[in-house]
Structures are given as C-alpha cells and as structure tokens.
C-alpha cells in the first residue's frame, strides 16, 4: 500500500537547506539542529511527500531522520521545541546562550 510522510504524521523540518552532490544524492543540513545527512533520490522523494511503498528498512530510516530532526511530527512547533531544549542547557553563571537563527 502506498503511503506518504504526511500519512505517518511527519513533515520535513522547516529549518533545512539542501544541495545536490556530484553522485546525485542530496545533502540536507538543519540550521536549527545542526544535523547533516546525505540521501539518495528515493529517500529524498519520501521527504518531498511523494508516495512510496514503505518497507521495514524505510521505517527505520524515517525514525532515524526524525531522531536527528530532519523530519518532525506535523503538530510540533519546532522553534518552541528548540527554545525549550536550548533553555535547558543553561546553567548560569557557567553558560550563557545566545539565539542566532538563520
């Protein structure tokens, strides 16, 4: 049965930049989470919400992309999540955090 990312409750992160690699793969970099991943055309088409026939390996790959925040749950406010995460790192007076979003 054909499915899409949106059917799984997932979407691409809003904070991604991409570039094509010489071998045809796509490099995705998260400006918010500092994640970097190279995807082949099949996996990249999944991220574009195109239909695919999910395998167990695909589901594992999608879970990993969610773990590194290339993918996020559709209902998550990424910026609020990032802000909460960054705030939890603060341990005054040892560490001060400055937000510098691109």
C-alpha atoms as a PDB file:
ATOM      1  CA  UNK A   1       0.000   0.000   0.000  1.00  0.00           C
ATOM      2  CA  UNK A   2       1.329   3.398  -0.992  1.00  0.00           C
ATOM      3  CA  UNK A   3       1.843   5.986   1.740  1.00  0.00           C
ATOM      4  CA  UNK A   4       3.239   9.486   2.230  1.00  0.00           C
ATOM      5  CA  UNK A   5       5.132  11.164   5.052  1.00  0.00           C
ATOM      6  CA  UNK A   6       2.028  13.125   5.946  1.00  0.00           C
ATOM      7  CA  UNK A   7       0.120   9.841   6.376  1.00  0.00           C
ATOM      8  CA  UNK A   8       2.695   8.927   9.038  1.00  0.00           C
ATOM      9  CA  UNK A   9       2.200  12.255  10.836  1.00  0.00           C
ATOM     10  CA  UNK A  10       5.608  13.547   9.700  1.00  0.00           C
ATOM     11  CA  UNK A  11       6.919  16.531   7.765  1.00  0.00           C
ATOM     12  CA  UNK A  12      10.288  17.925   6.771  1.00  0.00           C
ATOM     13  CA  UNK A  13      11.857  20.313   9.210  1.00  0.00           C
ATOM     14  CA  UNK A  14      11.266  23.947   8.360  1.00  0.00           C
ATOM     15  CA  UNK A  15      14.939  24.666   9.032  1.00  0.00           C
ATOM     16  CA  UNK A  16      16.597  22.686   6.217  1.00  0.00           C
ATOM     17  CA  UNK A  17      18.883  23.722   3.438  1.00  0.00           C
ATOM     18  CA  UNK A  18      19.841  21.325   0.677  1.00  0.00           C
ATOM     19  CA  UNK A  19      22.380  20.921  -2.065  1.00  0.00           C
ATOM     20  CA  UNK A  20      22.930  18.388  -4.810  1.00  0.00           C
ATOM     21  CA  UNK A  21      26.029  16.214  -4.637  1.00  0.00           C
ATOM     22  CA  UNK A  22      28.054  15.095  -7.673  1.00  0.00           C
ATOM     23  CA  UNK A  23      26.852  11.482  -7.286  1.00  0.00           C
ATOM     24  CA  UNK A  24      23.180  12.568  -7.484  1.00  0.00           C
ATOM     25  CA  UNK A  25      22.476  12.381  -3.758  1.00  0.00           C
ATOM     26  CA  UNK A  26      21.015  15.319  -1.841  1.00  0.00           C
ATOM     27  CA  UNK A  27      22.699  16.726   1.271  1.00  0.00           C
ATOM     28  CA  UNK A  28      20.284  18.133   3.846  1.00  0.00           C
ATOM     29  CA  UNK A  29      21.531  20.359   6.641  1.00  0.00           C
ATOM     30  CA  UNK A  30      19.437  21.545   9.553  1.00  0.00           C
ATOM     31  CA  UNK A  31      20.243  25.117  10.507  1.00  0.00           C
ATOM     32  CA  UNK A  32      18.344  24.671  13.764  1.00  0.00           C
ATOM     33  CA  UNK A  33      19.521  21.238  14.910  1.00  0.00           C
ATOM     34  CA  UNK A  34      22.947  21.057  13.210  1.00  0.00           C
ATOM     35  CA  UNK A  35      22.094  17.711  11.607  1.00  0.00           C
ATOM     36  CA  UNK A  36      23.578  16.747   8.244  1.00  0.00           C
ATOM     37  CA  UNK A  37      22.541  13.780   6.128  1.00  0.00           C
ATOM     38  CA  UNK A  38      23.048  12.625   2.535  1.00  0.00           C
ATOM     39  CA  UNK A  39      20.024  10.976   0.922  1.00  0.00           C
ATOM     40  CA  UNK A  40      19.624   9.048  -2.291  1.00  0.00           C
ATOM     41  CA  UNK A  41      16.853  10.091  -4.678  1.00  0.00           C
ATOM     42  CA  UNK A  42      14.378   7.500  -3.329  1.00  0.00           C
ATOM     43  CA  UNK A  43      14.695   8.696   0.271  1.00  0.00           C
ATOM     44  CA  UNK A  44      14.665  12.331  -0.807  1.00  0.00           C
ATOM     45  CA  UNK A  45      11.413  11.788  -2.721  1.00  0.00           C
ATOM     46  CA  UNK A  46       9.908  10.458   0.526  1.00  0.00           C
ATOM     47  CA  UNK A  47      10.817  13.755   2.183  1.00  0.00           C
ATOM     48  CA  UNK A  48       9.058  15.597  -0.636  1.00  0.00           C
ATOM     49  CA  UNK A  49       5.879  13.786   0.487  1.00  0.00           C
ATOM     50  CA  UNK A  50       5.726  11.664  -2.647  1.00  0.00           C
ATOM     51  CA  UNK A  51       4.018   8.275  -2.332  1.00  0.00           C
ATOM     52  CA  UNK A  52       6.179   5.239  -1.519  1.00  0.00           C
ATOM     53  CA  UNK A  53       5.758   1.615  -0.544  1.00  0.00           C
ATOM     54  CA  UNK A  54       7.202   1.511   2.984  1.00  0.00           C
ATOM     55  CA  UNK A  55       9.498  -1.325   3.981  1.00  0.00           C
ATOM     56  CA  UNK A  56      10.744  -2.104   7.474  1.00  0.00           C
ATOM     57  CA  UNK A  57      14.072  -0.557   6.471  1.00  0.00           C
ATOM     58  CA  UNK A  58      12.297   2.611   5.279  1.00  0.00           C
ATOM     59  CA  UNK A  59      10.500   2.912   8.607  1.00  0.00           C
ATOM     60  CA  UNK A  60      13.817   2.531  10.425  1.00  0.00           C
ATOM     61  CA  UNK A  61      15.371   5.212   8.178  1.00  0.00           C
ATOM     62  CA  UNK A  62      12.453   7.580   8.761  1.00  0.00           C
ATOM     63  CA  UNK A  63      12.726   7.059  12.517  1.00  0.00           C
ATOM     64  CA  UNK A  64      16.426   7.940  12.323  1.00  0.00           C
ATOM     65  CA  UNK A  65      15.651  11.072  10.278  1.00  0.00           C
ATOM     66  CA  UNK A  66      13.128  12.029  12.933  1.00  0.00           C
ATOM     67  CA  UNK A  67      15.683  11.389  15.699  1.00  0.00           C
ATOM     68  CA  UNK A  68      18.139  13.828  14.107  1.00  0.00           C
ATOM     69  CA  UNK A  69      15.245  16.215  13.389  1.00  0.00           C
ATOM     70  CA  UNK A  70      15.435  16.229   9.607  1.00  0.00           C
ATOM     71  CA  UNK A  71      11.823  15.061   9.982  1.00  0.00           C
ATOM     72  CA  UNK A  72       9.461  16.245  12.697  1.00  0.00           C
ATOM     73  CA  UNK A  73       5.930  15.452  13.777  1.00  0.00           C
ATOM     74  CA  UNK A  74       3.379  17.551  11.880  1.00  0.00           C
ATOM     75  CA  UNK A  75       1.948  19.011  15.071  1.00  0.00           C
ATOM     76  CA  UNK A  76       5.269  20.129  16.609  1.00  0.00           C
ATOM     77  CA  UNK A  77       6.293  23.775  16.800  1.00  0.00           C
ATOM     78  CA  UNK A  78       9.990  23.349  16.030  1.00  0.00           C
ATOM     79  CA  UNK A  79      11.058  26.765  17.205  1.00  0.00           C
ATOM     80  CA  UNK A  80       9.400  26.338  20.603  1.00  0.00           C
ATOM     81  CA  UNK A  81      10.948  22.877  20.942  1.00  0.00           C
ATOM     82  CA  UNK A  82      14.389  24.251  20.092  1.00  0.00           C
ATOM     83  CA  UNK A  83      13.993  27.133  22.509  1.00  0.00           C
ATOM     84  CA  UNK A  84      12.976  24.784  25.335  1.00  0.00           C
ATOM     85  CA  UNK A  85      15.918  22.491  24.565  1.00  0.00           C
ATOM     86  CA  UNK A  86      18.402  25.359  24.489  1.00  0.00           C
ATOM     87  CA  UNK A  87      16.986  26.856  27.680  1.00  0.00           C
ATOM     88  CA  UNK A  88      17.503  23.505  29.420  1.00  0.00           C
ATOM     89  CA  UNK A  89      21.235  23.726  28.612  1.00  0.00           C
ATOM     90  CA  UNK A  90      21.649  26.972  30.521  1.00  0.00           C
ATOM     91  CA  UNK A  91      23.455  26.635  33.816  1.00  0.00           C
ATOM     92  CA  UNK A  92      24.151  30.198  34.974  1.00  0.00           C
ATOM     93  CA  UNK A  93      26.680  31.550  35.537  1.00  0.00           C
ATOM     94  CA  UNK A  94      28.658  28.883  33.688  1.00  0.00           C
ATOM     95  CA  UNK A  95      26.844  29.001  30.345  1.00  0.00           C
ATOM     96  CA  UNK A  96      25.055  31.758  28.502  1.00  0.00           C
ATOM     97  CA  UNK A  97      23.033  31.020  25.376  1.00  0.00           C
ATOM     98  CA  UNK A  98      22.539  33.451  22.500  1.00  0.00           C
ATOM     99  CA  UNK A  99      19.976  32.728  19.773  1.00  0.00           C
ATOM    100  CA  UNK A 100      21.270  33.347  16.272  1.00  0.00           C
ATOM    101  CA  UNK A 101      18.830  31.855  13.753  1.00  0.00           C
ATOM    102  CA  UNK A 102      19.461  31.787  10.045  1.00  0.00           C
END
